[in-house]
Amino acid sequence: MIKLTEEERQQLLTSYVNGLGIERRHLSKEETEQEIVKFLSLNNVCVLSTVGSDGKPRSTVVDYEHEGMIIYIMTEGGVKVDNILGNPNVSLGIYAPHKTMRGVMGLNYQGTAEVFTFQEHKDIFMKVLPLFSHVIENFKKEVKGVTPRPDVMKLIRISPVNVNFICYARGLPEAVWTK
């Protein structure tokens, strides 16, 4: 049988954690949200997955900022934006590098994306722009002679629908937050 029942899957996850000598933990929704927000704060790169009108998936590595559970991505546009405009359902993957089972830590994030332009949504841009101030400053230092132009950028805002946080070292093979 290829597919495990939910009970078998849960038993397998528990056996992994117990095999590490750690007791499995189960978090409340509020505790799970706190863990997710903390993890989002420790990272700034994710893999954004979208689906085009042709049904083909596309995954793009992007920098992000966040406000609580809301993810923001600043981009010049491209296929990811076109895909979102056609299908706002997206997925994000964020993981910490690891070489051992104990080091497995990350999250899978399913959400709904919206795309904003500076011209049409200046108020939203101005509210979110401070989140990217260090990114903009670093860009100015590194890329000589070019100033970032909000007027040509797009802002992607992703609201969570379902987020699965994983941290084996803390007894969390799965901590699920659902809207």
N, C-alpha and C. Protein backbone atom coordinates (compact mmCIF):
# COMPACT_ATOMS: atom_id res chain seq x y z
N MET A 1 0.85 -1.18 0.00
CA MET A 1 0.00 0.00 0.00
C MET A 1 0.89 1.24 0.00
N ILE A 2 0.62 2.16 -0.87
CA ILE A 2 1.43 3.37 -0.99
C ILE A 2 1.02 4.41 0.05
N LYS A 3 -0.26 4.61 0.21
CA LYS A 3 -0.75 5.65 1.12
C LYS A 3 -0.97 5.09 2.52
N LEU A 4 -0.45 5.83 3.50
CA LEU A 4 -0.68 5.47 4.89
C LEU A 4 -2.02 6.03 5.35
N THR A 5 -2.65 5.34 6.28
CA THR A 5 -3.82 5.94 6.92
C THR A 5 -3.31 7.07 7.82
N GLU A 6 -4.19 7.94 8.23
CA GLU A 6 -3.78 9.03 9.12
C GLU A 6 -3.22 8.48 10.43
N GLU A 7 -3.83 7.42 10.93
CA GLU A 7 -3.34 6.80 12.17
C GLU A 7 -1.93 6.25 11.98
N GLU A 8 -1.68 5.58 10.86
CA GLU A 8 -0.34 5.05 10.58
C GLU A 8 0.68 6.18 10.43
N ARG A 9 0.27 7.24 9.77
CA ARG A 9 1.17 8.39 9.58
C ARG A 9 1.54 9.01 10.92
N GLN A 10 0.55 9.19 11.79
CA GLN A 10 0.81 9.77 13.11
C GLN A 10 1.72 8.86 13.94
N GLN A 11 1.50 7.55 13.86
CA GLN A 11 2.36 6.60 14.57
C GLN A 11 3.79 6.69 14.06
N LEU A 12 3.95 6.83 12.76
CA LEU A 12 5.28 6.93 12.17
C LEU A 12 5.99 8.20 12.64
N LEU A 13 5.27 9.34 12.62
CA LEU A 13 5.87 10.60 13.08
C LEU A 13 6.28 10.50 14.55
N THR A 14 5.40 9.92 15.36
CA THR A 14 5.72 9.75 16.79
C THR A 14 6.94 8.85 16.97
N SER A 15 7.04 7.80 16.17
CA SER A 15 8.19 6.89 16.29
C SER A 15 9.50 7.61 15.93
N TYR A 16 9.45 8.51 14.96
CA TYR A 16 10.66 9.27 14.60
C TYR A 16 11.13 10.12 15.78
N VAL A 17 10.20 10.86 16.37
CA VAL A 17 10.55 11.74 17.49
C VAL A 17 11.01 10.91 18.69
N ASN A 18 10.25 9.88 19.03
CA ASN A 18 10.63 9.02 20.16
C ASN A 18 11.98 8.35 19.92
N GLY A 19 12.26 7.99 18.67
CA GLY A 19 13.54 7.39 18.32
C GLY A 19 14.71 8.32 18.54
N LEU A 20 14.44 9.61 18.56
CA LEU A 20 15.46 10.61 18.86
C LEU A 20 15.62 10.82 20.37
N GLY A 21 14.78 10.12 21.14
CA GLY A 21 14.82 10.27 22.60
C GLY A 21 14.07 11.50 23.07
N ILE A 22 13.12 11.95 22.26
CA ILE A 22 12.35 13.16 22.57
C ILE A 22 10.88 12.79 22.64
N GLU A 23 10.17 13.40 23.57
CA GLU A 23 8.73 13.16 23.67
C GLU A 23 8.01 14.05 22.66
N ARG A 24 7.03 13.48 21.96
CA ARG A 24 6.27 14.25 20.99
C ARG A 24 5.40 15.27 21.70
N ARG A 25 5.39 16.49 21.16
CA ARG A 25 4.56 17.56 21.71
C ARG A 25 3.41 17.87 20.76
N HIS A 26 2.31 18.32 21.34
CA HIS A 26 1.15 18.77 20.57
C HIS A 26 0.84 20.19 21.05
N LEU A 27 0.81 21.13 20.12
CA LEU A 27 0.61 22.54 20.48
C LEU A 27 -0.82 22.99 20.21
N SER A 28 -1.25 24.00 20.95
CA SER A 28 -2.53 24.65 20.67
C SER A 28 -2.36 25.50 19.40
N LYS A 29 -3.44 25.99 18.87
CA LYS A 29 -3.37 26.85 17.68
C LYS A 29 -2.54 28.09 17.98
N GLU A 30 -2.73 28.68 19.15
CA GLU A 30 -1.99 29.89 19.53
C GLU A 30 -0.49 29.60 19.66
N GLU A 31 -0.15 28.48 20.29
CA GLU A 31 1.26 28.10 20.44
C GLU A 31 1.89 27.82 19.08
N THR A 32 1.12 27.17 18.21
CA THR A 32 1.62 26.89 16.86
C THR A 32 1.88 28.18 16.11
N GLU A 33 0.96 29.14 16.21
CA GLU A 33 1.15 30.43 15.55
C GLU A 33 2.40 31.13 16.08
N GLN A 34 2.63 31.08 17.38
CA GLN A 34 3.83 31.69 17.95
C GLN A 34 5.10 31.05 17.40
N GLU A 35 5.11 29.74 17.30
CA GLU A 35 6.27 29.02 16.74
C GLU A 35 6.51 29.41 15.29
N ILE A 36 5.43 29.52 14.52
CA ILE A 36 5.53 29.88 13.10
C ILE A 36 6.09 31.28 12.95
N VAL A 37 5.55 32.23 13.70
CA VAL A 37 6.00 33.62 13.62
C VAL A 37 7.47 33.73 14.02
N LYS A 38 7.86 32.99 15.06
CA LYS A 38 9.26 32.99 15.49
C LYS A 38 10.16 32.45 14.36
N PHE A 39 9.73 31.36 13.73
CA PHE A 39 10.52 30.77 12.65
C PHE A 39 10.59 31.72 11.45
N LEU A 40 9.48 32.36 11.11
CA LEU A 40 9.49 33.32 10.00
C LEU A 40 10.48 34.45 10.27
N SER A 41 10.60 34.86 11.54
CA SER A 41 11.51 35.94 11.91
C SER A 41 12.98 35.53 11.80
N LEU A 42 13.26 34.25 11.91
CA LEU A 42 14.63 33.76 11.85
C LEU A 42 15.13 33.57 10.41
N ASN A 43 14.22 33.68 9.45
CA ASN A 43 14.55 33.42 8.06
C ASN A 43 14.09 34.58 7.18
N ASN A 44 14.53 34.58 5.94
CA ASN A 44 14.07 35.61 5.01
C ASN A 44 14.00 35.11 3.57
N VAL A 45 14.23 33.82 3.37
CA VAL A 45 14.19 33.24 2.02
C VAL A 45 13.21 32.08 2.02
N CYS A 46 12.39 32.03 0.97
CA CYS A 46 11.44 30.92 0.84
C CYS A 46 11.37 30.49 -0.62
N VAL A 47 10.76 29.34 -0.83
CA VAL A 47 10.44 28.89 -2.17
C VAL A 47 8.94 29.13 -2.35
N LEU A 48 8.60 29.98 -3.31
CA LEU A 48 7.21 30.31 -3.62
C LEU A 48 6.78 29.46 -4.80
N SER A 49 5.71 28.69 -4.63
CA SER A 49 5.19 27.85 -5.71
C SER A 49 3.84 28.36 -6.16
N THR A 50 3.72 28.52 -7.48
CA THR A 50 2.49 28.98 -8.11
C THR A 50 2.14 28.00 -9.22
N VAL A 51 0.95 28.16 -9.80
CA VAL A 51 0.53 27.31 -10.92
C VAL A 51 0.04 28.22 -12.04
N GLY A 52 0.54 27.96 -13.25
CA GLY A 52 0.16 28.77 -14.41
C GLY A 52 -1.17 28.33 -15.00
N SER A 53 -1.66 29.11 -15.94
CA SER A 53 -2.94 28.80 -16.58
C SER A 53 -2.86 27.49 -17.37
N ASP A 54 -1.64 27.07 -17.71
CA ASP A 54 -1.44 25.80 -18.41
C ASP A 54 -1.39 24.61 -17.45
N GLY A 55 -1.53 24.89 -16.14
CA GLY A 55 -1.51 23.84 -15.14
C GLY A 55 -0.13 23.44 -14.68
N LYS A 56 0.90 24.09 -15.22
CA LYS A 56 2.27 23.75 -14.85
C LYS A 56 2.69 24.51 -13.60
N PRO A 57 3.27 23.79 -12.62
CA PRO A 57 3.74 24.46 -11.41
C PRO A 57 5.05 25.20 -11.67
N ARG A 58 5.30 26.22 -10.87
CA ARG A 58 6.56 26.97 -10.94
C ARG A 58 6.97 27.30 -9.52
N SER A 59 8.21 27.04 -9.21
CA SER A 59 8.75 27.37 -7.89
C SER A 59 9.89 28.36 -8.07
N THR A 60 9.87 29.40 -7.25
CA THR A 60 10.84 30.48 -7.34
C THR A 60 11.38 30.78 -5.94
N VAL A 61 12.70 30.88 -5.83
CA VAL A 61 13.30 31.27 -4.56
C VAL A 61 13.21 32.79 -4.46
N VAL A 62 12.62 33.28 -3.37
CA VAL A 62 12.44 34.72 -3.18
C VAL A 62 12.73 35.11 -1.73
N ASP A 63 13.11 36.36 -1.54
CA ASP A 63 13.22 36.93 -0.20
C ASP A 63 11.83 37.34 0.25
N TYR A 64 11.61 37.32 1.55
CA TYR A 64 10.32 37.74 2.08
C TYR A 64 10.51 38.53 3.36
N GLU A 65 9.48 39.25 3.71
CA GLU A 65 9.33 39.87 5.02
C GLU A 65 7.97 39.42 5.53
N HIS A 66 7.69 39.66 6.78
CA HIS A 66 6.39 39.23 7.30
C HIS A 66 5.92 40.16 8.40
N GLU A 67 4.62 40.14 8.58
CA GLU A 67 3.94 40.80 9.70
C GLU A 67 3.06 39.73 10.30
N GLY A 68 3.49 39.18 11.42
CA GLY A 68 2.76 38.04 11.98
C GLY A 68 2.83 36.89 10.99
N MET A 69 1.68 36.37 10.62
CA MET A 69 1.61 35.23 9.70
C MET A 69 1.49 35.66 8.24
N ILE A 70 1.37 36.96 8.00
CA ILE A 70 1.24 37.47 6.63
C ILE A 70 2.64 37.60 6.01
N ILE A 71 2.81 37.05 4.81
CA ILE A 71 4.08 37.10 4.09
C ILE A 71 4.01 38.18 3.02
N TYR A 72 5.09 38.95 2.89
CA TYR A 72 5.20 39.97 1.85
C TYR A 72 6.43 39.68 1.00
N ILE A 73 6.26 39.80 -0.31
CA ILE A 73 7.36 39.62 -1.26
C ILE A 73 7.34 40.82 -2.20
N MET A 74 8.49 41.46 -2.35
CA MET A 74 8.63 42.57 -3.28
C MET A 74 9.32 42.01 -4.53
N THR A 75 8.76 42.29 -5.70
CA THR A 75 9.29 41.73 -6.94
C THR A 75 9.06 42.68 -8.11
N GLU A 76 9.90 42.51 -9.12
CA GLU A 76 9.71 43.30 -10.34
C GLU A 76 8.63 42.69 -11.22
N GLY A 77 8.17 41.52 -10.88
CA GLY A 77 7.10 40.87 -11.64
C GLY A 77 7.54 39.51 -12.13
N GLY A 78 7.13 39.16 -13.33
CA GLY A 78 7.52 37.89 -13.93
C GLY A 78 6.42 36.85 -13.88
N VAL A 79 6.82 35.62 -14.16
CA VAL A 79 5.87 34.51 -14.27
C VAL A 79 5.10 34.29 -12.97
N LYS A 80 5.77 34.44 -11.84
CA LYS A 80 5.08 34.20 -10.56
C LYS A 80 3.89 35.15 -10.39
N VAL A 81 4.06 36.41 -10.79
CA VAL A 81 2.97 37.38 -10.68
C VAL A 81 1.85 37.02 -11.66
N ASP A 82 2.22 36.68 -12.89
CA ASP A 82 1.20 36.27 -13.87
C ASP A 82 0.41 35.07 -13.35
N ASN A 83 1.12 34.10 -12.78
CA ASN A 83 0.45 32.91 -12.24
C ASN A 83 -0.50 33.26 -11.10
N ILE A 84 -0.06 34.13 -10.21
CA ILE A 84 -0.90 34.53 -9.07
C ILE A 84 -2.15 35.25 -9.54
N LEU A 85 -2.00 36.10 -10.55
CA LEU A 85 -3.17 36.81 -11.08
C LEU A 85 -4.20 35.84 -11.65
N GLY A 86 -3.74 34.70 -12.16
CA GLY A 86 -4.65 33.69 -12.69
C GLY A 86 -5.15 32.71 -11.65
N ASN A 87 -4.33 32.48 -10.61
CA ASN A 87 -4.68 31.51 -9.56
C ASN A 87 -3.99 31.96 -8.27
N PRO A 88 -4.73 32.54 -7.33
CA PRO A 88 -4.11 33.11 -6.13
C PRO A 88 -3.68 32.08 -5.08
N ASN A 89 -3.94 30.80 -5.31
CA ASN A 89 -3.53 29.77 -4.35
C ASN A 89 -2.05 29.47 -4.53
N VAL A 90 -1.28 29.67 -3.45
CA VAL A 90 0.17 29.48 -3.52
C VAL A 90 0.63 28.60 -2.36
N SER A 91 1.87 28.17 -2.48
CA SER A 91 2.50 27.39 -1.43
C SER A 91 3.90 27.94 -1.22
N LEU A 92 4.34 27.95 0.04
CA LEU A 92 5.69 28.37 0.38
C LEU A 92 6.37 27.24 1.14
N GLY A 93 7.66 27.11 0.92
CA GLY A 93 8.47 26.20 1.72
C GLY A 93 9.63 26.97 2.30
N ILE A 94 9.83 26.82 3.60
CA ILE A 94 10.95 27.48 4.29
C ILE A 94 11.58 26.43 5.20
N TYR A 95 12.88 26.19 5.00
CA TYR A 95 13.55 25.16 5.79
C TYR A 95 14.91 25.61 6.24
N ALA A 96 15.32 25.11 7.39
CA ALA A 96 16.68 25.34 7.90
C ALA A 96 17.56 24.22 7.36
N PRO A 97 18.76 24.55 6.90
CA PRO A 97 19.66 23.49 6.43
C PRO A 97 19.92 22.49 7.56
N HIS A 98 20.00 21.22 7.20
CA HIS A 98 20.25 20.19 8.21
C HIS A 98 20.91 18.98 7.58
N LYS A 99 21.57 18.20 8.40
CA LYS A 99 22.21 16.96 7.95
C LYS A 99 21.73 15.77 8.77
N THR A 100 20.97 16.04 9.82
CA THR A 100 20.49 14.97 10.69
C THR A 100 18.99 15.10 10.90
N MET A 101 18.37 14.02 11.32
CA MET A 101 16.93 14.03 11.60
C MET A 101 16.59 15.03 12.69
N ARG A 102 17.44 15.11 13.70
CA ARG A 102 17.21 16.06 14.80
C ARG A 102 17.21 17.50 14.28
N GLY A 103 17.90 17.76 13.20
CA GLY A 103 18.00 19.11 12.66
C GLY A 103 16.86 19.51 11.73
N VAL A 104 15.95 18.58 11.44
CA VAL A 104 14.84 18.90 10.53
C VAL A 104 13.97 19.97 11.16
N MET A 105 13.86 21.11 10.46
CA MET A 105 13.07 22.24 10.96
C MET A 105 12.63 23.08 9.76
N GLY A 106 11.35 23.39 9.71
CA GLY A 106 10.86 24.21 8.62
C GLY A 106 9.36 24.31 8.64
N LEU A 107 8.83 24.85 7.55
CA LEU A 107 7.38 24.92 7.45
C LEU A 107 6.92 24.84 6.01
N ASN A 108 5.74 24.31 5.86
CA ASN A 108 5.01 24.29 4.59
C ASN A 108 3.82 25.21 4.78
N TYR A 109 3.65 26.15 3.88
CA TYR A 109 2.68 27.22 4.06
C TYR A 109 1.79 27.26 2.82
N GLN A 110 0.51 27.07 3.00
CA GLN A 110 -0.45 27.24 1.91
C GLN A 110 -1.19 28.53 2.18
N GLY A 111 -1.34 29.34 1.13
CA GLY A 111 -2.01 30.62 1.34
C GLY A 111 -2.66 31.16 0.09
N THR A 112 -3.24 32.33 0.26
CA THR A 112 -3.88 33.05 -0.82
C THR A 112 -3.11 34.34 -1.06
N ALA A 113 -2.69 34.55 -2.31
CA ALA A 113 -1.84 35.69 -2.65
C ALA A 113 -2.63 36.79 -3.36
N GLU A 114 -2.20 38.01 -3.09
CA GLU A 114 -2.72 39.20 -3.78
C GLU A 114 -1.52 39.97 -4.31
N VAL A 115 -1.70 40.62 -5.46
CA VAL A 115 -0.63 41.42 -6.06
C VAL A 115 -1.06 42.88 -6.06
N PHE A 116 -0.15 43.75 -5.59
CA PHE A 116 -0.42 45.18 -5.54
C PHE A 116 0.66 45.93 -6.32
N THR A 117 0.24 46.99 -6.99
CA THR A 117 1.20 47.88 -7.65
C THR A 117 1.22 49.20 -6.89
N PHE A 118 2.34 49.89 -6.99
CA PHE A 118 2.49 51.18 -6.32
C PHE A 118 1.46 52.18 -6.83
N GLN A 119 1.25 52.19 -8.15
CA GLN A 119 0.32 53.15 -8.75
C GLN A 119 -1.11 52.96 -8.25
N GLU A 120 -1.53 51.72 -8.11
CA GLU A 120 -2.92 51.44 -7.74
C GLU A 120 -3.15 51.29 -6.24
N HIS A 121 -2.08 51.02 -5.49
CA HIS A 121 -2.24 50.74 -4.05
C HIS A 121 -1.13 51.40 -3.25
N LYS A 122 -0.94 52.68 -3.47
CA LYS A 122 0.15 53.41 -2.80
C LYS A 122 0.05 53.29 -1.28
N ASP A 123 -1.16 53.32 -0.74
CA ASP A 123 -1.35 53.24 0.71
C ASP A 123 -0.81 51.91 1.27
N ILE A 124 -1.06 50.82 0.58
CA ILE A 124 -0.57 49.51 1.04
C ILE A 124 0.95 49.46 0.92
N PHE A 125 1.48 49.95 -0.20
CA PHE A 125 2.94 49.98 -0.38
C PHE A 125 3.60 50.78 0.73
N MET A 126 3.09 51.95 1.01
CA MET A 126 3.71 52.83 2.01
C MET A 126 3.65 52.20 3.41
N LYS A 127 2.60 51.44 3.67
CA LYS A 127 2.48 50.77 4.97
C LYS A 127 3.51 49.64 5.10
N VAL A 128 3.75 48.92 4.02
CA VAL A 128 4.61 47.74 4.05
C VAL A 128 6.07 48.06 3.76
N LEU A 129 6.34 49.14 3.05
CA LEU A 129 7.71 49.49 2.65
C LEU A 129 8.71 49.49 3.81
N PRO A 130 8.35 49.97 5.01
CA PRO A 130 9.32 49.93 6.12
C PRO A 130 9.83 48.52 6.46
N LEU A 131 9.02 47.49 6.19
CA LEU A 131 9.49 46.12 6.43
C LEU A 131 10.70 45.80 5.56
N PHE A 132 10.80 46.46 4.41
CA PHE A 132 11.87 46.20 3.45
C PHE A 132 12.99 47.23 3.52
N SER A 133 13.00 48.10 4.53
CA SER A 133 13.99 49.19 4.58
C SER A 133 15.42 48.67 4.55
N HIS A 134 15.72 47.61 5.31
CA HIS A 134 17.09 47.08 5.31
C HIS A 134 17.45 46.45 3.96
N VAL A 135 16.48 45.86 3.29
CA VAL A 135 16.71 45.27 1.96
C VAL A 135 17.04 46.38 0.97
N ILE A 136 16.28 47.46 1.03
CA ILE A 136 16.50 48.60 0.13
C ILE A 136 17.86 49.23 0.39
N GLU A 137 18.22 49.39 1.65
CA GLU A 137 19.53 49.98 1.99
C GLU A 137 20.67 49.10 1.50
N ASN A 138 20.55 47.80 1.71
CA ASN A 138 21.58 46.88 1.23
C ASN A 138 21.68 46.91 -0.30
N PHE A 139 20.55 46.99 -0.97
CA PHE A 139 20.54 47.08 -2.43
C PHE A 139 21.30 48.32 -2.89
N LYS A 140 21.02 49.45 -2.26
CA LYS A 140 21.70 50.70 -2.62
C LYS A 140 23.21 50.60 -2.43
N LYS A 141 23.64 49.91 -1.37
CA LYS A 141 25.08 49.76 -1.10
C LYS A 141 25.74 48.82 -2.11
N GLU A 142 25.05 47.76 -2.46
CA GLU A 142 25.65 46.73 -3.31
C GLU A 142 25.54 47.03 -4.80
N VAL A 143 24.43 47.58 -5.23
CA VAL A 143 24.20 47.81 -6.66
C VAL A 143 24.41 49.29 -6.93
N LYS A 144 25.60 49.62 -7.36
CA LYS A 144 26.00 51.02 -7.55
C LYS A 144 25.25 51.66 -8.73
N GLY A 145 24.80 52.88 -8.51
CA GLY A 145 24.18 53.66 -9.57
C GLY A 145 22.73 53.32 -9.86
N VAL A 146 22.14 52.44 -9.07
CA VAL A 146 20.74 52.07 -9.29
C VAL A 146 19.98 52.27 -7.99
N THR A 147 18.88 53.00 -8.07
CA THR A 147 18.03 53.21 -6.90
C THR A 147 16.77 52.37 -7.08
N PRO A 148 16.39 51.59 -6.07
CA PRO A 148 15.16 50.81 -6.18
C PRO A 148 13.97 51.73 -6.45
N ARG A 149 13.11 51.30 -7.35
CA ARG A 149 11.97 52.13 -7.74
C ARG A 149 10.66 51.42 -7.39
N PRO A 150 10.01 51.86 -6.33
CA PRO A 150 8.74 51.22 -5.96
C PRO A 150 7.71 51.27 -7.09
N ASP A 151 7.81 52.30 -7.95
CA ASP A 151 6.81 52.45 -9.00
C ASP A 151 6.85 51.32 -10.04
N VAL A 152 7.96 50.58 -10.13
CA VAL A 152 8.01 49.46 -11.07
C VAL A 152 7.90 48.10 -10.35
N MET A 153 7.85 48.14 -9.04
CA MET A 153 7.80 46.90 -8.27
C MET A 153 6.35 46.47 -8.03
N LYS A 154 6.21 45.19 -7.76
CA LYS A 154 4.93 44.62 -7.35
C LYS A 154 5.11 44.11 -5.93
N LEU A 155 4.05 44.18 -5.17
CA LEU A 155 4.05 43.66 -3.80
C LEU A 155 3.09 42.48 -3.76
N ILE A 156 3.60 41.35 -3.32
CA ILE A 156 2.76 40.17 -3.16
C ILE A 156 2.49 40.01 -1.66
N ARG A 157 1.22 39.93 -1.32
CA ARG A 157 0.82 39.70 0.07
C ARG A 157 0.16 38.32 0.13
N ILE A 158 0.67 37.48 1.01
CA ILE A 158 0.15 36.12 1.12
C ILE A 158 -0.44 35.91 2.51
N SER A 159 -1.71 35.57 2.53
CA SER A 159 -2.42 35.30 3.79
C SER A 159 -2.49 33.79 3.98
N PRO A 160 -2.19 33.31 5.19
CA PRO A 160 -2.15 31.87 5.41
C PRO A 160 -3.53 31.22 5.42
N VAL A 161 -3.58 30.01 4.91
CA VAL A 161 -4.77 29.17 4.99
C VAL A 161 -4.46 27.95 5.85
N ASN A 162 -3.28 27.35 5.61
CA ASN A 162 -2.85 26.17 6.34
C ASN A 162 -1.33 26.19 6.40
N VAL A 163 -0.77 26.08 7.61
CA VAL A 163 0.68 26.10 7.78
C VAL A 163 1.08 24.92 8.67
N ASN A 164 2.06 24.16 8.21
CA ASN A 164 2.56 23.01 8.96
C ASN A 164 4.00 23.29 9.37
N PHE A 165 4.23 23.46 10.67
CA PHE A 165 5.56 23.72 11.22
C PHE A 165 6.16 22.42 11.71
N ILE A 166 7.45 22.22 11.43
CA ILE A 166 8.15 20.99 11.79
C ILE A 166 9.43 21.35 12.53
N CYS A 167 9.66 20.71 13.68
CA CYS A 167 10.92 20.88 14.40
C CYS A 167 11.15 19.62 15.25
N TYR A 168 11.86 18.66 14.69
CA TYR A 168 12.07 17.39 15.38
C TYR A 168 12.80 17.56 16.70
N ALA A 169 13.76 18.47 16.77
CA ALA A 169 14.54 18.65 18.01
C ALA A 169 13.67 19.07 19.18
N ARG A 170 12.52 19.67 18.90
CA ARG A 170 11.62 20.11 19.97
C ARG A 170 10.38 19.23 20.07
N GLY A 171 10.43 18.06 19.45
CA GLY A 171 9.31 17.12 19.56
C GLY A 171 8.11 17.49 18.71
N LEU A 172 8.35 18.22 17.62
CA LEU A 172 7.25 18.68 16.76
C LEU A 172 7.44 18.17 15.33
N PRO A 173 7.04 16.92 15.07
CA PRO A 173 7.13 16.45 13.69
C PRO A 173 6.05 17.07 12.82
N GLU A 174 5.09 17.73 13.48
CA GLU A 174 4.02 18.40 12.76
C GLU A 174 3.21 19.22 13.75
N ALA A 175 3.13 20.52 13.49
CA ALA A 175 2.27 21.41 14.27
C ALA A 175 1.49 22.21 13.24
N VAL A 176 0.21 21.92 13.11
CA VAL A 176 -0.59 22.47 12.02
C VAL A 176 -1.44 23.64 12.51
N TRP A 177 -1.35 24.75 11.77
CA TRP A 177 -2.20 25.92 12.00
C TRP A 177 -3.13 26.02 10.80
N THR A 178 -4.42 26.16 11.06
CA THR A 178 -5.41 26.30 9.99
C THR A 178 -6.27 27.52 10.26
N LYS A 179 -6.55 28.26 9.19
CA LYS A 179 -7.36 29.47 9.30
C LYS A 179 -8.74 29.15 9.84
